[in-house]
Amino acid sequence: MNECINQTYVINGQHGTSVKSAAPRAMTGISAVTLRLLATLSAWQERANSRRELLRLDSRALNDIGISRADAEHEADKPFWRR
């Protein structure tokens, strides 16, 4: 979210570069809430996808990451909003 814009300038024959944030300095309350909502929805989607992928791993892969099948199933049974 914090993208920067590089601007080149010339003052009295001297070249320079300034960096300005692309985001406005003061966000409105609505836009800040919207960004938080989008971040939360994105985290929930990622969590749901990760849990689905965990169930697809075979026993060897689960063993490689140190998780038992029971642990994987327990994690996958959690609702997407729970960590």
PDB file of N, CA and C in Angstrom:
ATOM      1  N   MET A   1       0.805  -1.188   0.000  1.00  0.00           N
ATOM      2  CA  MET A   1       0.000   0.000   0.000  1.00  0.00           C
ATOM      3  C   MET A   1       0.856   1.263   0.000  1.00  0.00           C
ATOM      4  N   ASN A   2       2.045   1.190   0.554  1.00  0.00           N
ATOM      5  CA  ASN A   2       2.889   2.372   0.621  1.00  0.00           C
ATOM      6  C   ASN A   2       3.788   2.438  -0.601  1.00  0.00           C
ATOM      7  N   GLU A   3       3.221   2.780  -1.743  1.00  0.00           N
ATOM      8  CA  GLU A   3       4.000   2.939  -2.949  1.00  0.00           C
ATOM      9  C   GLU A   3       4.633   4.318  -2.931  1.00  0.00           C
ATOM     10  N   CYS A   4       5.772   4.416  -3.559  1.00  0.00           N
ATOM     11  CA  CYS A   4       6.471   5.691  -3.611  1.00  0.00           C
ATOM     12  C   CYS A   4       6.612   6.134  -5.052  1.00  0.00           C
ATOM     13  N   ILE A   5       6.657   7.425  -5.245  1.00  0.00           N
ATOM     14  CA  ILE A   5       6.870   8.014  -6.550  1.00  0.00           C
ATOM     15  C   ILE A   5       8.188   8.766  -6.492  1.00  0.00           C
ATOM     16  N   ASN A   6       9.088   8.429  -7.409  1.00  0.00           N
ATOM     17  CA  ASN A   6      10.348   9.154  -7.503  1.00  0.00           C
ATOM     18  C   ASN A   6      10.153  10.290  -8.484  1.00  0.00           C
ATOM     19  N   GLN A   7      10.493  11.500  -8.074  1.00  0.00           N
ATOM     20  CA  GLN A   7      10.397  12.652  -8.952  1.00  0.00           C
ATOM     21  C   GLN A   7      11.787  13.239  -9.119  1.00  0.00           C
ATOM     22  N   THR A   8      12.147  13.483 -10.372  1.00  0.00           N
ATOM     23  CA  THR A   8      13.436  14.087 -10.657  1.00  0.00           C
ATOM     24  C   THR A   8      13.223  15.576 -10.866  1.00  0.00           C
ATOM     25  N   TYR A   9      14.133  16.371 -10.359  1.00  0.00           N
ATOM     26  CA  TYR A   9      14.014  17.808 -10.487  1.00  0.00           C
ATOM     27  C   TYR A   9      15.385  18.401 -10.787  1.00  0.00           C
ATOM     28  N   VAL A  10      15.366  19.595 -11.320  1.00  0.00           N
ATOM     29  CA  VAL A  10      16.594  20.327 -11.605  1.00  0.00           C
ATOM     30  C   VAL A  10      16.461  21.705 -10.967  1.00  0.00           C
ATOM     31  N   ILE A  11      17.396  22.042 -10.094  1.00  0.00           N
ATOM     32  CA  ILE A  11      17.425  23.359  -9.464  1.00  0.00           C
ATOM     33  C   ILE A  11      18.817  23.934  -9.695  1.00  0.00           C
ATOM     34  N   ASN A  12      18.866  25.078 -10.345  1.00  0.00           N
ATOM     35  CA  ASN A  12      20.144  25.758 -10.637  1.00  0.00           C
ATOM     36  C   ASN A  12      21.147  24.799 -11.280  1.00  0.00           C
ATOM     37  N   GLY A  13      20.663  23.981 -12.216  1.00  0.00           N
ATOM     38  CA  GLY A  13      21.552  23.063 -12.926  1.00  0.00           C
ATOM     39  C   GLY A  13      21.883  21.796 -12.165  1.00  0.00           C
ATOM     40  N   GLN A  14      21.422  21.655 -10.918  1.00  0.00           N
ATOM     41  CA  GLN A  14      21.710  20.465 -10.123  1.00  0.00           C
ATOM     42  C   GLN A  14      20.525  19.498 -10.214  1.00  0.00           C
ATOM     43  N   HIS A  15      20.819  18.263 -10.549  1.00  0.00           N
ATOM     44  CA  HIS A  15      19.777  17.240 -10.634  1.00  0.00           C
ATOM     45  C   HIS A  15      19.589  16.601  -9.265  1.00  0.00           C
ATOM     46  N   GLY A  16      18.378  16.246  -8.971  1.00  0.00           N
ATOM     47  CA  GLY A  16      18.093  15.577  -7.710  1.00  0.00           C
ATOM     48  C   GLY A  16      16.851  14.716  -7.845  1.00  0.00           C
ATOM     49  N   THR A  17      16.608  13.933  -6.851  1.00  0.00           N
ATOM     50  CA  THR A  17      15.433  13.071  -6.839  1.00  0.00           C
ATOM     51  C   THR A  17      14.765  13.195  -5.487  1.00  0.00           C
ATOM     52  N   SER A  18      13.456  13.338  -5.501  1.00  0.00           N
ATOM     53  CA  SER A  18      12.709  13.342  -4.254  1.00  0.00           C
ATOM     54  C   SER A  18      11.744  12.168  -4.289  1.00  0.00           C
ATOM     55  N   VAL A  19      11.447  11.640  -3.141  1.00  0.00           N
ATOM     56  CA  VAL A  19      10.537  10.509  -3.031  1.00  0.00           C
ATOM     57  C   VAL A  19       9.289  10.976  -2.307  1.00  0.00           C
ATOM     58  N   LYS A  20       8.141  10.746  -2.926  1.00  0.00           N
ATOM     59  CA  LYS A  20       6.881  11.139  -2.320  1.00  0.00           C
ATOM     60  C   LYS A  20       6.002   9.897  -2.223  1.00  0.00           C
ATOM     61  N   SER A  21       5.279   9.788  -1.171  1.00  0.00           N
ATOM     62  CA  SER A  21       4.347   8.691  -1.009  1.00  0.00           C
ATOM     63  C   SER A  21       3.191   8.874  -1.972  1.00  0.00           C
ATOM     64  N   ALA A  22       2.755   7.770  -2.622  1.00  0.00           N
ATOM     65  CA  ALA A  22       1.622   7.838  -3.535  1.00  0.00           C
ATOM     66  C   ALA A  22       0.314   7.910  -2.768  1.00  0.00           C
ATOM     67  N   ALA A  23       0.309   7.488  -1.520  1.00  0.00           N
ATOM     68  CA  ALA A  23      -0.901   7.530  -0.703  1.00  0.00           C
ATOM     69  C   ALA A  23      -1.045   8.916  -0.093  1.00  0.00           C
ATOM     70  N   PRO A  24      -2.267   9.391   0.021  1.00  0.00           N
ATOM     71  CA  PRO A  24      -2.449  10.698   0.665  1.00  0.00           C
ATOM     72  C   PRO A  24      -2.023  10.642   2.124  1.00  0.00           C
ATOM     73  N   ARG A  25      -1.587  11.778   2.644  1.00  0.00           N
ATOM     74  CA  ARG A  25      -1.099  11.811   4.027  1.00  0.00           C
ATOM     75  C   ARG A  25      -2.190  11.496   5.033  1.00  0.00           C
ATOM     76  N   ALA A  26      -3.346  12.065   4.876  1.00  0.00           N
ATOM     77  CA  ALA A  26      -4.434  11.813   5.818  1.00  0.00           C
ATOM     78  C   ALA A  26      -5.562  11.118   5.064  1.00  0.00           C
ATOM     79  N   MET A  27      -5.831   9.889   5.447  1.00  0.00           N
ATOM     80  CA  MET A  27      -6.901   9.143   4.803  1.00  0.00           C
ATOM     81  C   MET A  27      -8.208   9.470   5.507  1.00  0.00           C
ATOM     82  N   THR A  28      -9.265   9.447   4.747  1.00  0.00           N
ATOM     83  CA  THR A  28     -10.559   9.658   5.368  1.00  0.00           C
ATOM     84  C   THR A  28     -10.904   8.427   6.188  1.00  0.00           C
ATOM     85  N   GLY A  29     -11.789   8.583   7.139  1.00  0.00           N
ATOM     86  CA  GLY A  29     -12.183   7.453   7.978  1.00  0.00           C
ATOM     87  C   GLY A  29     -12.757   6.312   7.169  1.00  0.00           C
ATOM     88  N   ILE A  30     -13.521   6.633   6.150  1.00  0.00           N
ATOM     89  CA  ILE A  30     -14.146   5.593   5.328  1.00  0.00           C
ATOM     90  C   ILE A  30     -13.096   4.810   4.555  1.00  0.00           C
ATOM     91  N   SER A  31     -12.122   5.490   3.973  1.00  0.00           N
ATOM     92  CA  SER A  31     -11.116   4.770   3.201  1.00  0.00           C
ATOM     93  C   SER A  31     -10.223   3.917   4.101  1.00  0.00           C
ATOM     94  N   ALA A  32      -9.929   4.384   5.300  1.00  0.00           N
ATOM     95  CA  ALA A  32      -9.133   3.590   6.232  1.00  0.00           C
ATOM     96  C   ALA A  32      -9.903   2.341   6.651  1.00  0.00           C
ATOM     97  N   VAL A  33     -11.181   2.487   6.901  1.00  0.00           N
ATOM     98  CA  VAL A  33     -12.013   1.343   7.265  1.00  0.00           C
ATOM     99  C   VAL A  33     -12.101   0.370   6.089  1.00  0.00           C
ATOM    100  N   THR A  34     -12.242   0.893   4.897  1.00  0.00           N
ATOM    101  CA  THR A  34     -12.318   0.057   3.707  1.00  0.00           C
ATOM    102  C   THR A  34     -11.033  -0.748   3.532  1.00  0.00           C
ATOM    103  N   LEU A  35      -9.890  -0.110   3.721  1.00  0.00           N
ATOM    104  CA  LEU A  35      -8.615  -0.814   3.602  1.00  0.00           C
ATOM    105  C   LEU A  35      -8.485  -1.911   4.655  1.00  0.00           C
ATOM    106  N   ARG A  36      -8.905  -1.619   5.879  1.00  0.00           N
ATOM    107  CA  ARG A  36      -8.856  -2.640   6.928  1.00  0.00           C
ATOM    108  C   ARG A  36      -9.791  -3.798   6.609  1.00  0.00           C
ATOM    109  N   LEU A  37     -10.967  -3.483   6.086  1.00  0.00           N
ATOM    110  CA  LEU A  37     -11.918  -4.521   5.709  1.00  0.00           C
ATOM    111  C   LEU A  37     -11.356  -5.399   4.599  1.00  0.00           C
ATOM    112  N   LEU A  38     -10.766  -4.790   3.586  1.00  0.00           N
ATOM    113  CA  LEU A  38     -10.169  -5.560   2.501  1.00  0.00           C
ATOM    114  C   LEU A  38      -9.016  -6.421   2.996  1.00  0.00           C
ATOM    115  N   ALA A  39      -8.214  -5.896   3.899  1.00  0.00           N
ATOM    116  CA  ALA A  39      -7.103  -6.669   4.459  1.00  0.00           C
ATOM    117  C   ALA A  39      -7.622  -7.858   5.256  1.00  0.00           C
ATOM    118  N   THR A  40      -8.684  -7.649   6.018  1.00  0.00           N
ATOM    119  CA  THR A  40      -9.275  -8.734   6.797  1.00  0.00           C
ATOM    120  C   THR A  40      -9.857  -9.800   5.887  1.00  0.00           C
ATOM    121  N   LEU A  41     -10.587  -9.389   4.865  1.00  0.00           N
ATOM    122  CA  LEU A  41     -11.164 -10.351   3.920  1.00  0.00           C
ATOM    123  C   LEU A  41     -10.073 -11.142   3.203  1.00  0.00           C
ATOM    124  N   SER A  42      -9.005 -10.470   2.847  1.00  0.00           N
ATOM    125  CA  SER A  42      -7.879 -11.129   2.190  1.00  0.00           C
ATOM    126  C   SER A  42      -7.228 -12.156   3.123  1.00  0.00           C
ATOM    127  N   ALA A  43      -7.040 -11.792   4.378  1.00  0.00           N
ATOM    128  CA  ALA A  43      -6.454 -12.718   5.357  1.00  0.00           C
ATOM    129  C   ALA A  43      -7.354 -13.934   5.549  1.00  0.00           C
ATOM    130  N   TRP A  44      -8.662 -13.720   5.617  1.00  0.00           N
ATOM    131  CA  TRP A  44      -9.597 -14.832   5.777  1.00  0.00           C
ATOM    132  C   TRP A  44      -9.537 -15.767   4.576  1.00  0.00           C
ATOM    133  N   GLN A  45      -9.477 -15.200   3.381  1.00  0.00           N
ATOM    134  CA  GLN A  45      -9.410 -16.021   2.167  1.00  0.00           C
ATOM    135  C   GLN A  45      -8.123 -16.831   2.143  1.00  0.00           C
ATOM    136  N   GLU A  46      -7.015 -16.199   2.482  1.00  0.00           N
ATOM    137  CA  GLU A  46      -5.722 -16.893   2.515  1.00  0.00           C
ATOM    138  C   GLU A  46      -5.736 -18.014   3.550  1.00  0.00           C
ATOM    139  N   ARG A  47      -6.324 -17.761   4.706  1.00  0.00           N
ATOM    140  CA  ARG A  47      -6.406 -18.767   5.757  1.00  0.00           C
ATOM    141  C   ARG A  47      -7.243 -19.965   5.298  1.00  0.00           C
ATOM    142  N   ALA A  48      -8.370 -19.708   4.656  1.00  0.00           N
ATOM    143  CA  ALA A  48      -9.224 -20.787   4.157  1.00  0.00           C
ATOM    144  C   ALA A  48      -8.492 -21.599   3.089  1.00  0.00           C
ATOM    145  N   ASN A  49      -7.796 -20.926   2.186  1.00  0.00           N
ATOM    146  CA  ASN A  49      -7.034 -21.625   1.143  1.00  0.00           C
ATOM    147  C   ASN A  49      -5.920 -22.475   1.740  1.00  0.00           C
ATOM    148  N   SER A  50      -5.218 -21.932   2.710  1.00  0.00           N
ATOM    149  CA  SER A  50      -4.115 -22.666   3.346  1.00  0.00           C
ATOM    150  C   SER A  50      -4.621 -23.920   4.039  1.00  0.00           C
ATOM    151  N   ARG A  51      -5.744 -23.805   4.690  1.00  0.00           N
ATOM    152  CA  ARG A  51      -6.302 -24.969   5.399  1.00  0.00           C
ATOM    153  C   ARG A  51      -6.766 -26.036   4.422  1.00  0.00           C
ATOM    154  N   ARG A  52      -7.323 -25.618   3.288  1.00  0.00           N
ATOM    155  CA  ARG A  52      -7.715 -26.588   2.261  1.00  0.00           C
ATOM    156  C   ARG A  52      -6.491 -27.301   1.700  1.00  0.00           C
ATOM    157  N   GLU A  53      -5.435 -26.539   1.450  1.00  0.00           N
ATOM    158  CA  GLU A  53      -4.195 -27.119   0.924  1.00  0.00           C
ATOM    159  C   GLU A  53      -3.559 -28.068   1.944  1.00  0.00           C
ATOM    160  N   LEU A  54      -3.657 -27.764   3.199  1.00  0.00           N
ATOM    161  CA  LEU A  54      -3.105 -28.621   4.242  1.00  0.00           C
ATOM    162  C   LEU A  54      -3.734 -30.012   4.188  1.00  0.00           C
ATOM    163  N   LEU A  55      -5.031 -30.063   3.914  1.00  0.00           N
ATOM    164  CA  LEU A  55      -5.713 -31.357   3.821  1.00  0.00           C
ATOM    165  C   LEU A  55      -5.273 -32.159   2.598  1.00  0.00           C
ATOM    166  N   ARG A  56      -4.786 -31.484   1.584  1.00  0.00           N
ATOM    167  CA  ARG A  56      -4.358 -32.163   0.360  1.00  0.00           C
ATOM    168  C   ARG A  56      -2.975 -32.800   0.479  1.00  0.00           C
ATOM    169  N   LEU A  57      -2.219 -32.417   1.503  1.00  0.00           N
ATOM    170  CA  LEU A  57      -0.872 -32.969   1.665  1.00  0.00           C
ATOM    171  C   LEU A  57      -0.929 -34.434   2.060  1.00  0.00           C
ATOM    172  N   ASP A  58       0.008 -35.208   1.520  1.00  0.00           N
ATOM    173  CA  ASP A  58       0.072 -36.617   1.912  1.00  0.00           C
ATOM    174  C   ASP A  58       0.837 -36.745   3.238  1.00  0.00           C
ATOM    175  N   SER A  59       0.852 -37.951   3.770  1.00  0.00           N
ATOM    176  CA  SER A  59       1.473 -38.186   5.083  1.00  0.00           C
ATOM    177  C   SER A  59       2.955 -37.821   5.098  1.00  0.00           C
ATOM    178  N   ARG A  60       3.654 -38.098   3.988  1.00  0.00           N
ATOM    179  CA  ARG A  60       5.082 -37.787   3.924  1.00  0.00           C
ATOM    180  C   ARG A  60       5.303 -36.274   4.002  1.00  0.00           C
ATOM    181  N   ALA A  61       4.511 -35.509   3.275  1.00  0.00           N
ATOM    182  CA  ALA A  61       4.645 -34.050   3.285  1.00  0.00           C
ATOM    183  C   ALA A  61       4.297 -33.483   4.664  1.00  0.00           C
ATOM    184  N   LEU A  62       3.245 -34.017   5.273  1.00  0.00           N
ATOM    185  CA  LEU A  62       2.889 -33.560   6.625  1.00  0.00           C
ATOM    186  C   LEU A  62       4.009 -33.865   7.607  1.00  0.00           C
ATOM    187  N   ASN A  63       4.594 -35.051   7.478  1.00  0.00           N
ATOM    188  CA  ASN A  63       5.706 -35.432   8.348  1.00  0.00           C
ATOM    189  C   ASN A  63       6.896 -34.496   8.146  1.00  0.00           C
ATOM    190  N   ASP A  64       7.129 -34.081   6.902  1.00  0.00           N
ATOM    191  CA  ASP A  64       8.236 -33.168   6.603  1.00  0.00           C
ATOM    192  C   ASP A  64       8.074 -31.827   7.317  1.00  0.00           C
ATOM    193  N   ILE A  65       6.854 -31.371   7.459  1.00  0.00           N
ATOM    194  CA  ILE A  65       6.646 -30.082   8.126  1.00  0.00           C
ATOM    195  C   ILE A  65       6.304 -30.245   9.603  1.00  0.00           C
ATOM    196  N   GLY A  66       6.311 -31.497  10.075  1.00  0.00           N
ATOM    197  CA  GLY A  66       6.137 -31.755  11.501  1.00  0.00           C
ATOM    198  C   GLY A  66       4.706 -31.696  11.989  1.00  0.00           C
ATOM    199  N   ILE A  67       3.764 -32.038  11.121  1.00  0.00           N
ATOM    200  CA  ILE A  67       2.349 -32.009  11.493  1.00  0.00           C
ATOM    201  C   ILE A  67       1.755 -33.399  11.263  1.00  0.00           C
ATOM    202  N   SER A  68       1.005 -33.874  12.227  1.00  0.00           N
ATOM    203  CA  SER A  68       0.332 -35.167  12.056  1.00  0.00           C
ATOM    204  C   SER A  68      -0.949 -34.968  11.255  1.00  0.00           C
ATOM    205  N   ARG A  69      -1.492 -36.053  10.747  1.00  0.00           N
ATOM    206  CA  ARG A  69      -2.756 -35.983  10.015  1.00  0.00           C
ATOM    207  C   ARG A  69      -3.856 -35.423  10.921  1.00  0.00           C
ATOM    208  N   ALA A  70      -3.856 -35.850  12.189  1.00  0.00           N
ATOM    209  CA  ALA A  70      -4.862 -35.358  13.141  1.00  0.00           C
ATOM    210  C   ALA A  70      -4.727 -33.853  13.354  1.00  0.00           C
ATOM    211  N   ASP A  71      -3.493 -33.365  13.452  1.00  0.00           N
ATOM    212  CA  ASP A  71      -3.271 -31.927  13.606  1.00  0.00           C
ATOM    213  C   ASP A  71      -3.759 -31.160  12.373  1.00  0.00           C
ATOM    214  N   ALA A  72      -3.494 -31.716  11.191  1.00  0.00           N
ATOM    215  CA  ALA A  72      -3.927 -31.078   9.948  1.00  0.00           C
ATOM    216  C   ALA A  72      -5.450 -31.018   9.885  1.00  0.00           C
ATOM    217  N   GLU A  73      -6.099 -32.084  10.254  1.00  0.00           N
ATOM    218  CA  GLU A  73      -7.562 -32.113  10.238  1.00  0.00           C
ATOM    219  C   GLU A  73      -8.143 -31.154  11.274  1.00  0.00           C
ATOM    220  N   HIS A  74      -7.500 -31.100  12.444  1.00  0.00           N
ATOM    221  CA  HIS A  74      -7.950 -30.172  13.480  1.00  0.00           C
ATOM    222  C   HIS A  74      -7.846 -28.730  12.987  1.00  0.00           C
ATOM    223  N   GLU A  75      -6.729 -28.394  12.343  1.00  0.00           N
ATOM    224  CA  GLU A  75      -6.527 -27.044  11.816  1.00  0.00           C
ATOM    225  C   GLU A  75      -7.546 -26.738  10.714  1.00  0.00           C
ATOM    226  N   ALA A  76      -7.785 -27.698   9.851  1.00  0.00           N
ATOM    227  CA  ALA A  76      -8.723 -27.483   8.735  1.00  0.00           C
ATOM    228  C   ALA A  76     -10.163 -27.355   9.198  1.00  0.00           C
ATOM    229  N   ASP A  77     -10.482 -27.908  10.346  1.00  0.00           N
ATOM    230  CA  ASP A  77     -11.839 -27.826  10.883  1.00  0.00           C
ATOM    231  C   ASP A  77     -12.160 -26.449  11.474  1.00  0.00           C
ATOM    232  N   LYS A  78     -11.146 -25.634  11.706  1.00  0.00           N
ATOM    233  CA  LYS A  78     -11.395 -24.311  12.284  1.00  0.00           C
ATOM    234  C   LYS A  78     -12.105 -23.414  11.272  1.00  0.00           C
ATOM    235  N   PRO A  79     -12.969 -22.531  11.737  1.00  0.00           N
ATOM    236  CA  PRO A  79     -13.587 -21.551  10.834  1.00  0.00           C
ATOM    237  C   PRO A  79     -12.521 -20.596  10.304  1.00  0.00           C
ATOM    238  N   PHE A  80     -12.759 -20.050   9.128  1.00  0.00           N
ATOM    239  CA  PHE A  80     -11.767 -19.199   8.465  1.00  0.00           C
ATOM    240  C   PHE A  80     -11.398 -17.968   9.285  1.00  0.00           C
ATOM    241  N   TRP A  81     -12.279 -17.500  10.139  1.00  0.00           N
ATOM    242  CA  TRP A  81     -11.988 -16.268  10.902  1.00  0.00           C
ATOM    243  C   TRP A  81     -11.159 -16.552  12.139  1.00  0.00           C
ATOM    244  N   ARG A  82     -11.025 -17.800  12.537  1.00  0.00           N
ATOM    245  CA  ARG A  82     -10.247 -18.140  13.723  1.00  0.00           C
ATOM    246  C   ARG A  82      -8.813 -18.412  13.332  1.00  0.00           C
ATOM    247  N   ARG A  83      -7.876 -17.896  14.123  1.00  0.00           N
ATOM    248  CA  ARG A  83      -6.446 -18.123  13.846  1.00  0.00           C
ATOM    249  C   ARG A  83      -6.019 -19.484  14.282  1.00  0.00           C
TER     250      ARG A  83
END
